[in-house]
Amino acid sequence: MRISEDVIEQANKRAAWKKSHYPAAIAVRYDQHLGRIIIELTTGIGIIIAPRDLQGFQDATLEELSEAEISPSGFGIYFPKLDADVYLPRLLEGFLGTELWMAERKGQR
């Protein structure tokens, strides 16, 4: 299956828009003393988040959180030992999981 030039051009435009509207991750680590994932952004700002607040991370162990990879775009953070991803633009918009998962969590609070 060949992807058309138009589809590629549209994807490149969306990527350029995201790069101009969202900061990218430049570093990520798990701080076991704080019990938080720390994401450093290109803007110099850091995000600190408890794993229990991310879908799929609630029962993550120190070993599973100790390894993370940042995608080439800087928008994706992959935790290979959990086989779980965090998509930075959605995280910055306040989405910590799928819409269904978020709605279920709101019902618990």
N, C-alpha and C. Protein backbone atom coordinates (compact mmCIF):
# COMPACT_ATOMS: atom_id res chain seq x y z
N MET A 1 0.84 -1.18 0.00
CA MET A 1 0.00 0.00 0.00
C MET A 1 0.89 1.24 0.00
N ARG A 2 0.67 2.10 -0.94
CA ARG A 2 1.45 3.33 -1.06
C ARG A 2 0.66 4.49 -0.47
N ILE A 3 1.34 5.31 0.32
CA ILE A 3 0.70 6.48 0.92
C ILE A 3 0.86 7.65 -0.05
N SER A 4 -0.24 8.35 -0.29
CA SER A 4 -0.21 9.44 -1.25
C SER A 4 0.59 10.63 -0.70
N GLU A 5 1.07 11.44 -1.61
CA GLU A 5 1.82 12.65 -1.24
C GLU A 5 0.95 13.60 -0.43
N ASP A 6 -0.34 13.64 -0.74
CA ASP A 6 -1.27 14.52 -0.02
C ASP A 6 -1.38 14.09 1.45
N VAL A 7 -1.46 12.79 1.68
CA VAL A 7 -1.56 12.29 3.05
C VAL A 7 -0.29 12.63 3.82
N ILE A 8 0.86 12.46 3.20
CA ILE A 8 2.14 12.77 3.83
C ILE A 8 2.23 14.27 4.13
N GLU A 9 1.81 15.10 3.18
CA GLU A 9 1.84 16.56 3.37
C GLU A 9 0.95 16.98 4.54
N GLN A 10 -0.24 16.41 4.62
CA GLN A 10 -1.15 16.73 5.73
C GLN A 10 -0.56 16.29 7.07
N ALA A 11 0.06 15.13 7.10
CA ALA A 11 0.69 14.65 8.34
C ALA A 11 1.84 15.58 8.75
N ASN A 12 2.62 16.02 7.79
CA ASN A 12 3.71 16.95 8.09
C ASN A 12 3.20 18.28 8.61
N LYS A 13 2.08 18.75 8.08
CA LYS A 13 1.48 20.00 8.56
C LYS A 13 0.99 19.84 10.00
N ARG A 14 0.35 18.70 10.30
CA ARG A 14 -0.11 18.47 11.67
C ARG A 14 1.07 18.40 12.64
N ALA A 15 2.14 17.75 12.21
CA ALA A 15 3.32 17.64 13.07
C ALA A 15 3.95 19.02 13.31
N ALA A 16 4.03 19.84 12.28
CA ALA A 16 4.58 21.19 12.43
C ALA A 16 3.72 22.02 13.37
N TRP A 17 2.40 21.89 13.25
CA TRP A 17 1.50 22.62 14.14
C TRP A 17 1.74 22.20 15.58
N LYS A 18 1.82 20.89 15.84
CA LYS A 18 2.04 20.41 17.21
C LYS A 18 3.37 20.92 17.76
N LYS A 19 4.41 20.89 16.93
CA LYS A 19 5.71 21.36 17.40
C LYS A 19 5.69 22.83 17.76
N SER A 20 4.82 23.60 17.11
CA SER A 20 4.75 25.03 17.40
C SER A 20 3.81 25.34 18.58
N HIS A 21 3.00 24.37 19.01
CA HIS A 21 2.02 24.61 20.07
C HIS A 21 2.28 23.85 21.37
N TYR A 22 3.15 22.86 21.33
CA TYR A 22 3.42 22.05 22.52
C TYR A 22 4.92 21.91 22.74
N PRO A 23 5.35 21.97 23.99
CA PRO A 23 6.77 21.68 24.26
C PRO A 23 6.99 20.17 24.14
N ALA A 24 8.23 19.80 23.94
CA ALA A 24 8.60 18.39 23.84
C ALA A 24 9.36 17.98 25.10
N ALA A 25 9.34 16.69 25.36
CA ALA A 25 10.11 16.14 26.48
C ALA A 25 11.57 16.03 26.07
N ILE A 26 12.47 16.39 26.99
CA ILE A 26 13.90 16.22 26.73
C ILE A 26 14.53 15.25 27.73
N ALA A 27 13.82 14.99 28.82
CA ALA A 27 14.32 14.03 29.81
C ALA A 27 13.14 13.50 30.61
N VAL A 28 13.28 12.26 31.06
CA VAL A 28 12.25 11.66 31.90
C VAL A 28 12.93 10.70 32.87
N ARG A 29 12.42 10.70 34.11
CA ARG A 29 12.97 9.78 35.10
C ARG A 29 11.92 9.56 36.18
N TYR A 30 12.10 8.48 36.91
CA TYR A 30 11.25 8.21 38.05
C TYR A 30 12.05 8.51 39.31
N ASP A 31 11.51 9.36 40.16
CA ASP A 31 12.15 9.70 41.43
C ASP A 31 11.49 8.86 42.52
N GLN A 32 12.20 7.86 43.00
CA GLN A 32 11.58 6.96 43.98
C GLN A 32 11.36 7.62 45.33
N HIS A 33 12.14 8.65 45.66
CA HIS A 33 11.93 9.35 46.94
C HIS A 33 10.63 10.14 46.91
N LEU A 34 10.34 10.76 45.78
CA LEU A 34 9.08 11.49 45.63
C LEU A 34 7.93 10.56 45.24
N GLY A 35 8.28 9.41 44.64
CA GLY A 35 7.26 8.51 44.12
C GLY A 35 6.56 9.10 42.92
N ARG A 36 7.32 9.84 42.10
CA ARG A 36 6.74 10.56 40.97
C ARG A 36 7.59 10.39 39.70
N ILE A 37 6.91 10.47 38.57
CA ILE A 37 7.58 10.54 37.27
C ILE A 37 7.84 12.02 37.01
N ILE A 38 9.06 12.33 36.61
CA ILE A 38 9.43 13.72 36.33
C ILE A 38 9.77 13.83 34.85
N ILE A 39 9.08 14.71 34.16
CA ILE A 39 9.31 14.94 32.74
C ILE A 39 9.81 16.36 32.56
N GLU A 40 11.00 16.51 32.00
CA GLU A 40 11.55 17.84 31.72
C GLU A 40 11.21 18.22 30.28
N LEU A 41 10.77 19.46 30.09
CA LEU A 41 10.34 19.94 28.78
C LEU A 41 11.34 20.92 28.17
N THR A 42 11.21 21.12 26.88
CA THR A 42 12.09 22.04 26.16
C THR A 42 11.96 23.47 26.67
N THR A 43 10.86 23.79 27.32
CA THR A 43 10.62 25.13 27.85
C THR A 43 11.33 25.39 29.17
N GLY A 44 11.92 24.33 29.75
CA GLY A 44 12.56 24.46 31.04
C GLY A 44 11.62 24.11 32.19
N ILE A 45 10.38 23.88 31.87
CA ILE A 45 9.39 23.49 32.87
C ILE A 45 9.43 21.98 33.05
N GLY A 46 9.10 21.54 34.25
CA GLY A 46 9.02 20.11 34.51
C GLY A 46 7.62 19.72 34.93
N ILE A 47 7.23 18.53 34.59
CA ILE A 47 5.94 17.97 35.01
C ILE A 47 6.26 16.86 36.00
N ILE A 48 5.59 16.87 37.13
CA ILE A 48 5.77 15.84 38.14
C ILE A 48 4.41 15.18 38.34
N ILE A 49 4.36 13.87 38.14
CA ILE A 49 3.07 13.18 38.21
C ILE A 49 3.21 11.84 38.91
N ALA A 50 2.23 11.52 39.73
CA ALA A 50 2.21 10.23 40.42
C ALA A 50 1.78 9.14 39.43
N PRO A 51 2.47 8.02 39.39
CA PRO A 51 2.08 6.95 38.48
C PRO A 51 0.63 6.50 38.67
N ARG A 52 0.13 6.54 39.90
CA ARG A 52 -1.25 6.10 40.15
C ARG A 52 -2.27 6.95 39.39
N ASP A 53 -1.86 8.14 38.94
CA ASP A 53 -2.77 9.02 38.21
C ASP A 53 -2.74 8.82 36.71
N LEU A 54 -1.93 7.89 36.23
CA LEU A 54 -1.85 7.59 34.80
C LEU A 54 -2.45 6.22 34.51
N GLN A 55 -3.27 6.15 33.49
CA GLN A 55 -3.87 4.88 33.11
C GLN A 55 -2.80 3.85 32.79
N GLY A 56 -2.91 2.69 33.40
CA GLY A 56 -1.97 1.60 33.15
C GLY A 56 -0.75 1.62 34.04
N PHE A 57 -0.62 2.65 34.86
CA PHE A 57 0.56 2.79 35.72
C PHE A 57 0.24 2.57 37.20
N GLN A 58 -1.01 2.33 37.55
CA GLN A 58 -1.44 2.30 38.94
C GLN A 58 -0.65 1.29 39.78
N ASP A 59 -0.33 0.15 39.24
CA ASP A 59 0.36 -0.89 40.00
C ASP A 59 1.82 -1.06 39.57
N ALA A 60 2.37 -0.06 38.90
CA ALA A 60 3.74 -0.15 38.39
C ALA A 60 4.75 -0.24 39.52
N THR A 61 5.76 -1.05 39.31
CA THR A 61 6.83 -1.20 40.29
C THR A 61 7.98 -0.24 39.98
N LEU A 62 8.87 -0.10 40.93
CA LEU A 62 10.06 0.74 40.74
C LEU A 62 10.84 0.27 39.52
N GLU A 63 11.00 -1.02 39.38
CA GLU A 63 11.73 -1.57 38.23
C GLU A 63 11.04 -1.20 36.91
N GLU A 64 9.72 -1.28 36.86
CA GLU A 64 8.99 -0.97 35.64
C GLU A 64 9.06 0.52 35.30
N LEU A 65 9.15 1.36 36.31
CA LEU A 65 9.20 2.80 36.09
C LEU A 65 10.61 3.34 35.87
N SER A 66 11.61 2.50 36.12
CA SER A 66 12.99 2.96 36.07
C SER A 66 13.52 3.15 34.66
N GLU A 67 12.81 2.63 33.68
CA GLU A 67 13.27 2.74 32.30
C GLU A 67 12.20 3.41 31.45
N ALA A 68 12.57 4.50 30.78
CA ALA A 68 11.64 5.21 29.91
C ALA A 68 12.40 5.72 28.69
N GLU A 69 11.71 5.77 27.57
CA GLU A 69 12.30 6.24 26.31
C GLU A 69 11.45 7.37 25.75
N ILE A 70 12.11 8.39 25.26
CA ILE A 70 11.41 9.53 24.64
C ILE A 70 11.43 9.32 23.13
N SER A 71 10.29 9.50 22.48
CA SER A 71 10.21 9.35 21.03
C SER A 71 11.02 10.46 20.35
N PRO A 72 11.39 10.26 19.09
CA PRO A 72 12.14 11.30 18.36
C PRO A 72 11.44 12.67 18.33
N SER A 73 10.10 12.67 18.31
CA SER A 73 9.37 13.95 18.29
C SER A 73 9.39 14.63 19.67
N GLY A 74 9.64 13.83 20.72
CA GLY A 74 9.59 14.37 22.07
C GLY A 74 8.18 14.38 22.65
N PHE A 75 7.20 13.89 21.88
CA PHE A 75 5.82 13.89 22.34
C PHE A 75 5.40 12.58 22.98
N GLY A 76 6.13 11.53 22.75
CA GLY A 76 5.79 10.23 23.30
C GLY A 76 6.83 9.77 24.31
N ILE A 77 6.36 9.19 25.40
CA ILE A 77 7.26 8.62 26.40
C ILE A 77 6.82 7.18 26.58
N TYR A 78 7.74 6.26 26.35
CA TYR A 78 7.45 4.83 26.39
C TYR A 78 8.16 4.19 27.56
N PHE A 79 7.40 3.40 28.31
CA PHE A 79 7.93 2.63 29.43
C PHE A 79 7.92 1.17 29.00
N PRO A 80 9.05 0.67 28.47
CA PRO A 80 9.07 -0.68 27.88
C PRO A 80 8.72 -1.80 28.85
N LYS A 81 9.08 -1.69 30.10
CA LYS A 81 8.79 -2.77 31.04
C LYS A 81 7.31 -2.82 31.41
N LEU A 82 6.59 -1.75 31.15
CA LEU A 82 5.13 -1.73 31.34
C LEU A 82 4.40 -1.91 30.02
N ASP A 83 5.13 -1.74 28.91
CA ASP A 83 4.55 -1.68 27.58
C ASP A 83 3.44 -0.63 27.57
N ALA A 84 3.77 0.55 28.09
CA ALA A 84 2.80 1.64 28.20
C ALA A 84 3.42 2.95 27.72
N ASP A 85 2.57 3.77 27.15
CA ASP A 85 2.99 5.07 26.61
C ASP A 85 2.28 6.21 27.29
N VAL A 86 2.94 7.35 27.31
CA VAL A 86 2.34 8.61 27.72
C VAL A 86 2.49 9.54 26.52
N TYR A 87 1.39 10.14 26.08
CA TYR A 87 1.42 11.07 24.96
C TYR A 87 1.39 12.48 25.54
N LEU A 88 2.50 13.17 25.44
CA LEU A 88 2.70 14.45 26.10
C LEU A 88 1.64 15.51 25.78
N PRO A 89 1.26 15.74 24.51
CA PRO A 89 0.23 16.75 24.27
C PRO A 89 -1.07 16.48 25.03
N ARG A 90 -1.49 15.24 25.09
CA ARG A 90 -2.72 14.91 25.83
C ARG A 90 -2.51 15.10 27.33
N LEU A 91 -1.33 14.72 27.82
CA LEU A 91 -1.03 14.91 29.24
C LEU A 91 -1.09 16.39 29.60
N LEU A 92 -0.53 17.24 28.75
CA LEU A 92 -0.55 18.68 29.00
C LEU A 92 -1.97 19.25 28.96
N GLU A 93 -2.86 18.57 28.24
CA GLU A 93 -4.26 18.99 28.18
C GLU A 93 -5.06 18.44 29.37
N GLY A 94 -4.40 17.67 30.22
CA GLY A 94 -5.07 17.14 31.40
C GLY A 94 -5.63 15.76 31.26
N PHE A 95 -5.34 15.09 30.14
CA PHE A 95 -5.83 13.73 29.93
C PHE A 95 -4.78 12.74 30.41
N LEU A 96 -5.16 11.96 31.41
CA LEU A 96 -4.24 11.01 32.02
C LEU A 96 -4.49 9.59 31.54
N GLY A 97 -5.44 9.43 30.64
CA GLY A 97 -5.79 8.14 30.07
C GLY A 97 -6.87 8.34 29.01
N THR A 98 -7.51 7.26 28.61
CA THR A 98 -8.58 7.37 27.61
C THR A 98 -9.76 8.13 28.21
N GLU A 99 -10.64 8.61 27.35
CA GLU A 99 -11.80 9.35 27.84
C GLU A 99 -12.67 8.48 28.74
N LEU A 100 -12.83 7.20 28.39
CA LEU A 100 -13.62 6.29 29.22
C LEU A 100 -12.97 6.13 30.59
N TRP A 101 -11.67 5.93 30.62
CA TRP A 101 -10.95 5.76 31.88
C TRP A 101 -11.07 7.03 32.73
N MET A 102 -10.93 8.17 32.11
CA MET A 102 -11.05 9.44 32.83
C MET A 102 -12.46 9.59 33.42
N ALA A 103 -13.48 9.23 32.64
CA ALA A 103 -14.86 9.34 33.13
C ALA A 103 -15.08 8.39 34.30
N GLU A 104 -14.54 7.20 34.23
CA GLU A 104 -14.66 6.26 35.33
C GLU A 104 -13.99 6.79 36.59
N ARG A 105 -12.83 7.41 36.44
CA ARG A 105 -12.11 7.97 37.59
C ARG A 105 -12.91 9.12 38.20
N LYS A 106 -13.51 9.95 37.38
CA LYS A 106 -14.30 11.06 37.90
C LYS A 106 -15.48 10.54 38.72
N GLY A 107 -16.03 9.40 38.30
CA GLY A 107 -17.13 8.81 39.04
C GLY A 107 -16.71 8.26 40.39
N GLN A 108 -15.42 7.96 40.54
CA GLN A 108 -14.90 7.43 41.81
C GLN A 108 -14.64 8.54 42.81
N ARG A 109 -14.46 9.75 42.36
CA ARG A 109 -14.10 10.85 43.26
C ARG A 109 -15.31 11.53 43.83
